[in-house]
Protein backbone atom coordinates (compact mmCIF):
# COMPACT_ATOMS: atom_id res chain seq x y z
CA MET A 1 -0.16 -0.51 -0.14
CA THR A 2 2.75 2.47 1.05
CA LYS A 3 4.97 1.51 -2.82
CA LYS A 4 1.29 2.45 -4.26
CA LEU A 5 0.67 5.90 -2.95
CA ALA A 6 4.90 6.39 -3.05
CA ARG A 7 3.65 5.58 -6.74
CA LEU A 8 1.19 7.72 -7.12
CA GLY A 9 2.59 10.40 -5.95
CA LEU A 10 5.38 10.85 -7.55
CA THR A 11 3.40 10.99 -10.54
CA VAL A 12 1.12 13.51 -10.23
CA ALA A 13 4.60 15.50 -8.80
CA GLY A 14 5.29 14.27 -12.69
CA PHE A 15 1.99 15.78 -13.39
CA ALA A 16 3.31 18.77 -11.81
CA ALA A 17 7.14 18.75 -13.71
CA GLY A 18 5.05 19.26 -16.67
CA VAL A 19 3.71 21.73 -16.02
CA GLY A 20 5.86 24.06 -14.81
CA ILE A 21 8.37 22.87 -16.75
CA CYS A 22 5.99 24.46 -19.71
CA ALA A 23 5.18 27.18 -17.74
CA GLY A 24 8.48 28.38 -17.46
CA VAL A 25 9.79 27.69 -21.33
CA TYR A 26 6.55 29.35 -21.69
CA ASN A 27 8.07 32.46 -19.21
CA ILE A 28 11.09 32.74 -21.61
CA LEU A 29 9.27 32.77 -25.32
CA LYS A 30 8.03 35.74 -23.43
CA THR A 31 11.27 37.83 -24.05
CA THR A 32 11.09 37.52 -27.17
CA SER A 33 7.95 37.96 -30.83
CA ALA A 34 7.34 34.08 -30.77
CA ASP A 35 5.03 34.28 -27.29
CA PRO A 36 3.18 31.33 -27.18
CA MET A 37 0.38 32.76 -25.31
CA THR A 38 -0.21 35.23 -28.09
CA THR A 39 0.79 33.93 -30.84
CA LEU A 40 -1.46 30.06 -30.83
CA PRO A 41 -5.05 29.81 -29.45
CA PRO A 42 -6.56 29.14 -26.67
CA TRP A 43 -6.79 25.33 -27.06
CA ALA A 44 -3.32 25.16 -28.06
CA ASN A 45 -1.80 26.46 -25.40
CA LEU A 46 -4.39 23.80 -23.49
CA LEU A 47 -2.92 21.74 -25.46
CA ILE A 48 0.28 21.41 -24.72
CA TYR A 49 0.21 21.93 -21.26
CA VAL A 50 -1.83 19.54 -20.82
CA SER A 51 0.80 16.95 -23.23
CA ALA A 52 3.78 18.10 -21.54
CA ALA A 53 1.02 16.90 -17.65
CA LEU A 54 0.54 13.63 -19.26
CA LEU A 55 4.27 13.06 -20.80
CA PHE A 56 6.28 13.97 -17.64
CA GLY A 57 3.49 11.81 -15.48
CA ILE A 58 3.61 9.06 -17.50
CA ILE A 59 7.66 9.39 -17.56
CA PHE A 60 7.67 9.88 -13.57
CA PHE A 61 5.35 6.19 -13.35
CA ILE A 62 7.30 4.41 -15.41
CA PHE A 63 10.32 4.90 -13.67
CA SER A 64 8.73 5.95 -10.11
CA PRO A 65 8.97 1.39 -9.30
CA MET A 66 13.04 2.41 -9.79
CA VAL A 67 13.24 5.63 -7.37
CA ILE A 68 10.87 4.05 -4.86
CA GLY A 69 13.41 1.67 -4.68
CA GLY A 70 16.36 2.66 -4.56
CA VAL A 71 15.32 5.47 -2.10
CA THR A 72 13.88 1.86 0.33
CA LYS A 73 17.47 0.49 -0.43
CA PHE A 74 18.99 3.63 1.14
CA ILE A 75 17.17 3.96 4.06
CA LYS A 76 17.18 0.80 5.16
CA ARG A 77 21.19 1.00 4.82
CA MET A 78 20.92 4.15 6.87
CA GLU A 79 18.64 2.68 9.21
CA LYS A 80 21.26 -0.48 10.07
CA ARG A 81 24.50 1.50 10.01
CA LEU A 82 22.82 4.11 12.55
CA ALA A 83 21.55 1.08 14.66
CA ALA A 84 25.19 -0.07 14.55
CA LEU A 85 26.65 3.24 16.15
CA SER A 86 26.99 3.16 20.28
CA ILE A 87 25.01 6.17 21.96
CA ALA A 88 28.96 7.72 21.87
CA GLU A 89 29.27 7.99 18.90
CA ILE A 90 25.60 9.48 18.00
CA ILE A 91 27.11 11.39 19.66
CA THR A 92 30.48 12.64 19.28
CA GLY A 93 29.28 12.75 15.51
CA VAL A 94 26.25 15.11 16.10
CA PHE A 95 28.40 16.63 17.92
CA GLY A 96 31.02 17.31 15.40
CA LEU A 97 28.37 17.69 12.56
CA ILE A 98 27.71 21.08 14.93
CA VAL A 99 31.13 22.55 15.23
CA GLY A 100 31.80 22.13 11.07
CA LEU A 101 28.44 23.99 10.27
CA LEU A 102 29.55 26.15 12.88
CA ILE A 103 32.87 26.78 10.63
CA SER A 104 31.96 26.99 7.49
CA PHE A 105 29.16 29.86 8.52
CA LEU A 106 31.86 31.73 9.66
CA LEU A 107 33.66 31.30 6.58
CA THR A 108 31.19 31.44 3.68
CA GLY A 109 31.16 35.44 4.26
CA LEU A 110 34.47 35.73 3.82
CA ILE A 111 33.25 34.98 -0.13
CA LYS A 112 29.69 37.51 0.00
CA GLU A 113 32.47 39.84 -2.32
CA ILE A 114 32.21 37.45 -5.58
CA PRO A 115 29.99 39.34 -8.06
CA SER A 116 28.83 35.83 -9.34
CA ALA A 117 25.75 34.26 -7.26
CA TRP A 118 26.23 30.49 -8.87
CA ILE A 119 29.71 30.85 -7.93
CA ARG A 120 29.52 32.42 -4.12
CA LEU A 121 26.08 29.34 -3.86
CA SER A 122 28.68 26.21 -5.35
CA ILE A 123 31.13 27.90 -2.97
CA ASN A 124 29.21 27.86 -0.04
CA VAL A 125 27.55 24.21 -0.81
CA LEU A 126 31.16 22.45 -1.56
CA ILE A 127 32.80 24.20 1.86
CA TYR A 128 29.76 23.07 4.07
CA VAL A 129 29.03 19.76 2.63
CA ALA A 130 33.24 19.20 2.97
CA LEU A 131 33.39 20.34 6.56
CA ALA A 132 30.26 18.67 7.78
CA TRP A 133 31.32 15.71 6.77
CA LEU A 134 35.15 16.35 7.95
CA GLY A 135 34.05 17.29 11.89
CA VAL A 136 31.64 14.11 11.47
CA SER A 137 34.85 12.17 10.55
CA VAL A 138 36.77 13.86 13.62
CA ALA A 139 35.03 13.32 16.19
CA THR A 140 33.75 9.65 16.17
CA LYS A 141 37.27 8.88 15.10
CA ARG A 142 38.25 10.21 18.15
CA LYS A 143 35.21 9.48 20.62
CA HIS A 144 37.00 7.08 23.04
CA GLU A 145 39.06 10.92 24.15
CA ILE A 146 35.96 12.26 24.96
CA ASN A 147 34.42 11.16 28.47
CA ILE A 148 30.70 11.13 27.87
CA ASN A 149 29.53 9.91 31.07
CA GLY A 150 31.39 12.11 32.54
CA ILE A 151 29.23 15.29 30.45
CA PHE A 152 26.29 13.91 31.68
CA LYS A 153 27.52 12.93 34.87
CA ARG A 154 25.14 15.01 37.62
CA SER A 155 26.94 16.52 40.08
CA GLY A 156 24.23 15.43 43.29
CA SER A 157 24.55 12.31 42.47
CA THR A 158 23.71 9.63 45.62
CA LYS A 159 25.35 6.40 45.56
CA HIS A 160 21.74 4.91 44.59
CA ASP A 161 21.50 6.82 41.54
CA LYS A 162 25.10 5.42 40.44
CA ILE A 163 23.49 1.70 40.25
CA GLY A 164 23.34 0.85 37.37
CA VAL A 165 22.91 -2.50 35.00
CA ARG A 166 25.77 -3.64 32.31
CA SER A 167 25.24 -5.48 29.20
CA LEU A 168 26.69 -8.90 29.20
CA ILE A 169 28.81 -9.29 25.77
CA LEU A 170 28.63 -13.38 25.19
CA ASP A 171 32.12 -14.60 22.76
CA THR A 172 31.61 -17.68 20.87
CA SER A 173 33.63 -20.38 23.97
CA VAL A 174 30.25 -19.50 26.70
CA ILE A 175 27.69 -19.74 23.81
CA ILE A 176 28.59 -23.46 23.23
CA ASP A 177 30.02 -24.14 27.15
CA GLY A 178 25.80 -23.76 27.39
CA ARG A 179 26.23 -23.05 31.23
CA ILE A 180 25.23 -19.67 30.70
CA TYR A 181 21.63 -20.46 29.73
CA ASP A 182 21.78 -22.42 33.47
CA ILE A 183 23.20 -18.96 34.86
CA CYS A 184 20.30 -17.24 33.32
CA LYS A 185 17.81 -19.66 34.33
CA THR A 186 18.96 -19.18 38.23
CA GLY A 187 17.80 -15.08 37.96
CA ILE A 188 20.71 -13.74 38.53
CA ILE A 189 21.76 -11.97 35.34
CA ASP A 190 19.55 -8.83 35.23
CA GLY A 191 21.20 -7.31 32.46
CA THR A 192 20.75 -7.36 28.33
CA LEU A 193 22.39 -10.30 26.54
CA VAL A 194 24.45 -8.73 23.85
CA ILE A 195 25.79 -11.00 20.97
CA PRO A 196 27.31 -9.87 18.74
CA GLU A 197 26.73 -10.29 15.43
CA PHE A 198 29.80 -11.42 14.22
CA VAL A 199 29.58 -14.46 16.77
CA LEU A 200 26.81 -15.10 15.44
CA VAL A 201 28.65 -15.80 11.98
CA GLU A 202 31.95 -18.09 14.02
CA LEU A 203 28.78 -19.62 15.60
CA ARG A 204 27.34 -20.57 11.98
CA HIS A 205 30.85 -21.20 10.23
CA ILE A 206 31.13 -23.71 12.64
CA ALA A 207 27.82 -25.67 12.58
CA ASP A 208 28.65 -25.42 8.94
CA SER A 209 31.75 -26.76 9.71
CA ALA A 210 32.77 -30.76 7.54
CA ASP A 211 33.69 -31.57 11.35
CA ASP A 212 31.36 -33.02 13.37
CA LEU A 213 32.60 -31.90 16.58
CA LYS A 214 33.06 -28.97 15.10
CA ARG A 215 29.65 -29.11 13.77
CA SER A 216 28.06 -30.30 16.77
CA ARG A 217 29.57 -27.61 18.71
CA GLY A 218 27.51 -24.93 16.62
CA ARG A 219 24.49 -26.67 17.06
CA ARG A 220 24.34 -26.74 20.35
CA GLY A 221 25.75 -23.16 20.57
CA LEU A 222 22.62 -21.87 18.53
CA ASP A 223 20.05 -24.42 20.68
CA VAL A 224 21.76 -22.46 23.69
CA LEU A 225 20.60 -19.04 22.44
CA ASN A 226 17.12 -20.15 21.27
CA MET A 227 16.51 -21.53 24.97
CA ILE A 228 17.73 -18.48 26.82
CA GLN A 229 15.28 -16.63 24.11
CA LYS A 230 12.24 -18.51 24.70
CA ASP A 231 12.28 -20.81 27.36
CA LEU A 232 13.77 -18.06 29.76
CA ASN A 233 12.30 -15.01 28.18
CA LYS A 234 15.22 -13.47 28.77
CA ALA A 235 16.29 -10.19 26.78
CA VAL A 236 18.38 -11.05 23.90
CA LYS A 237 19.65 -8.35 21.44
CA ILE A 238 21.63 -9.00 18.61
CA LYS A 239 24.21 -6.01 18.05
CA HIS A 240 25.37 -4.61 14.45
CA THR A 241 29.33 -3.64 13.84
CA ASN A 242 30.65 -2.80 10.71
CA TYR A 243 34.46 -3.62 12.10
CA ASP A 244 36.83 -4.79 9.32
CA GLU A 245 36.30 -8.44 8.47
CA ASN A 246 39.94 -9.27 9.12
CA MET A 247 40.04 -8.40 12.67
CA GLU A 248 40.14 -10.90 14.98
CA VAL A 249 36.89 -12.18 16.76
CA ASP A 250 38.59 -11.42 20.28
CA SER A 251 39.70 -7.97 19.13
CA LYS A 252 35.95 -7.36 17.87
CA LEU A 253 35.11 -8.35 21.66
CA LEU A 254 36.99 -6.02 23.30
CA LYS A 255 36.31 -2.84 20.87
CA LEU A 256 31.85 -3.89 21.16
CA ALA A 257 32.85 -3.42 25.09
CA LEU A 258 35.25 -0.58 25.36
CA GLU A 259 32.15 1.29 22.80
CA THR A 260 29.83 0.07 24.57
CA GLY A 261 30.87 -0.12 28.28
CA GLY A 262 30.40 -3.49 28.86
CA LYS A 263 31.47 -6.18 30.18
CA ILE A 264 32.95 -9.56 28.62
CA VAL A 265 31.67 -13.52 29.65
CA THR A 266 33.57 -15.44 28.57
CA ASN A 267 35.32 -19.02 29.50
CA ASP A 268 38.19 -18.59 27.49
CA PHE A 269 41.25 -18.20 29.19
CA ASN A 270 43.34 -16.28 27.16
CA LEU A 271 40.96 -13.64 26.43
CA ASN A 272 40.54 -13.27 29.77
CA LYS A 273 43.80 -12.34 30.25
CA VAL A 274 43.70 -9.67 27.62
CA ALA A 275 40.73 -8.41 28.37
CA THR A 276 42.32 -7.34 31.91
CA VAL A 277 45.11 -5.92 30.20
CA GLN A 278 42.83 -3.65 28.59
CA GLY A 279 40.63 -2.59 31.34
CA VAL A 280 37.70 -4.58 30.27
CA ASP A 281 35.50 -6.48 32.63
CA VAL A 282 35.39 -9.64 32.20
CA ILE A 283 33.19 -12.24 33.23
CA ASN A 284 34.58 -15.96 32.87
CA ILE A 285 32.65 -18.25 33.84
CA ASN A 286 35.11 -20.95 35.13
CA ASP A 287 35.60 -18.20 38.21
CA LEU A 288 32.38 -18.31 38.78
CA ALA A 289 31.65 -22.04 38.82
CA ASN A 290 34.85 -22.44 41.16
CA ALA A 291 33.01 -19.90 42.82
CA VAL A 292 30.20 -21.72 43.47
CA LYS A 293 31.89 -24.93 44.63
CA PRO A 294 32.06 -26.34 47.69
CA ILE A 295 35.63 -25.19 49.85
CA ALA A 296 37.45 -27.74 50.24
CA LEU A 297 40.38 -27.30 53.79
CA PRO A 298 43.59 -29.55 54.39
CA GLY A 299 42.73 -31.55 57.04
CA GLU A 300 39.59 -32.52 55.89
CA LYS A 301 38.53 -35.90 55.33
CA MET A 302 36.17 -37.04 52.72
CA ASP A 303 34.95 -40.36 50.54
CA VAL A 304 36.62 -40.88 46.89
CA GLN A 305 36.39 -43.43 44.49
CA ILE A 306 39.58 -43.53 42.33
CA ILE A 307 38.86 -44.21 39.11
CA LYS A 308 42.08 -44.09 37.08
CA ASP A 309 45.62 -44.15 37.98
CA GLY A 310 47.56 -40.87 38.03
CA LYS A 311 50.82 -39.41 36.46
CA GLU A 312 52.75 -40.10 38.62
CA PRO A 313 53.68 -43.75 39.85
CA THR A 314 52.07 -43.56 42.85
CA GLN A 315 49.14 -41.50 42.03
CA GLY A 316 45.21 -42.46 41.57
CA ILE A 317 42.95 -39.80 40.66
CA GLY A 318 38.95 -39.95 41.52
CA TYR A 319 36.63 -36.83 41.01
CA LEU A 320 34.10 -34.88 43.36
CA ASP A 321 30.11 -34.65 42.46
CA ASP A 322 30.75 -31.14 41.05
CA GLY A 323 33.54 -32.87 38.69
CA THR A 324 36.34 -31.74 40.44
CA MET A 325 39.50 -33.65 40.75
CA ILE A 326 41.33 -35.36 43.56
CA VAL A 327 45.10 -36.55 43.28
CA VAL A 328 45.11 -39.37 45.86
CA GLU A 329 48.49 -40.37 47.24
CA ASP A 330 49.32 -44.12 46.97
CA GLY A 331 46.32 -44.77 45.12
CA LYS A 332 47.75 -46.23 42.38
CA GLY A 333 46.51 -49.99 41.56
CA LYS A 334 43.05 -48.94 43.54
CA VAL A 335 41.05 -48.19 40.73
CA GLY A 336 36.89 -48.29 41.32
CA LYS A 337 37.45 -48.69 45.63
CA THR A 338 35.60 -46.19 47.19
CA LEU A 339 38.65 -44.46 49.38
CA LYS A 340 38.83 -42.63 52.92
CA VAL A 341 41.15 -39.62 52.39
CA MET A 342 42.22 -36.91 53.45
CA VAL A 343 43.07 -33.13 52.65
CA THR A 344 46.39 -32.21 52.10
CA SER A 345 46.13 -29.24 49.59
CA VAL A 346 44.53 -27.37 46.76
CA LEU A 347 45.07 -25.69 43.75
CA GLN A 348 42.81 -22.76 42.73
CA THR A 349 42.88 -21.29 38.85
CA SER A 350 40.48 -20.45 36.28
CA ALA A 351 41.33 -23.93 34.75
CA GLY A 352 39.68 -25.30 37.35
CA ARG A 353 39.82 -26.32 41.41
CA MET A 354 42.52 -29.41 41.94
CA ILE A 355 42.47 -31.05 45.41
CA PHE A 356 45.43 -33.39 46.12
CA ALA A 357 44.64 -35.75 49.40
CA LYS A 358 46.74 -38.59 51.35
CA ILE A 359 44.65 -41.48 52.09
CA ALA A 360 43.47 -40.87 55.97
CA GLU A 361 45.11 -43.34 58.25
């Protein structure tokens, strides 16, 4: 319906253009002796006007689908690019535009003495367009040097005013891991989960892999996202970005987090370290899982079933119910047996927790 109305409007505009062009030609001919208004009968003048209106109306009607399609594509492209911009980019872009137009206004006063109106108009248009583009470009490229949060921060804000919920940016590894679904299910996460477009692209490539293991991992990640949206009704936002395609996914994640002020949720040890160096907040799922595991203190006794022999000649390996590995001294050769052991030490890392024990006497 909208396209039909737009096509009708363009056709009417074509009628008006035909009448306007015909009237303009008549005004030019008035300066000569061949004025059609005086040399032709009224019916002939009316016929010329009607013919011009019909001609341009038909031309506009024929080419209107191309014009409407081009304008629609342009609007959609602009909407997509604007949706990919952060608030900081929009604010700095508008600020740069205003500065560029202000400088243009001051400069155009220097050329008002040029006698030709067409030359003045051309120079004015060139100055306004060039400086407006330059202002937006410079401002958006230097946006990290402008503290947007500090500009809008109220001097009288209380401690409660500063409390806010930040977006959580999920990386590919934590989506495939799947534990983010269980964490969201507990209700402790209030922020919006942000899925960058490049992460979805990576998940799709993994899901389409020829390797069976990679393909199943990629499909599991997509299933996890569907479960979060449908089963938990969790707010999930797809973030469209226009980063360089040659950039690594981890670099894009860090850049997005810096631009939006969000936290990265991951279980990638290396990404965690790099993000810490760059000052980006990270929620490591492994650290979170370790934090809620029962604490084993040296001297504590527990029952452990030996599952396999360890690497060292006298060690046996067992596991707690939460998956924590226990290395038992003198446990070699006791596979399948349940032993009473005493904890001697605990090793805690981002990769997990390891308990060392010996057989209790």
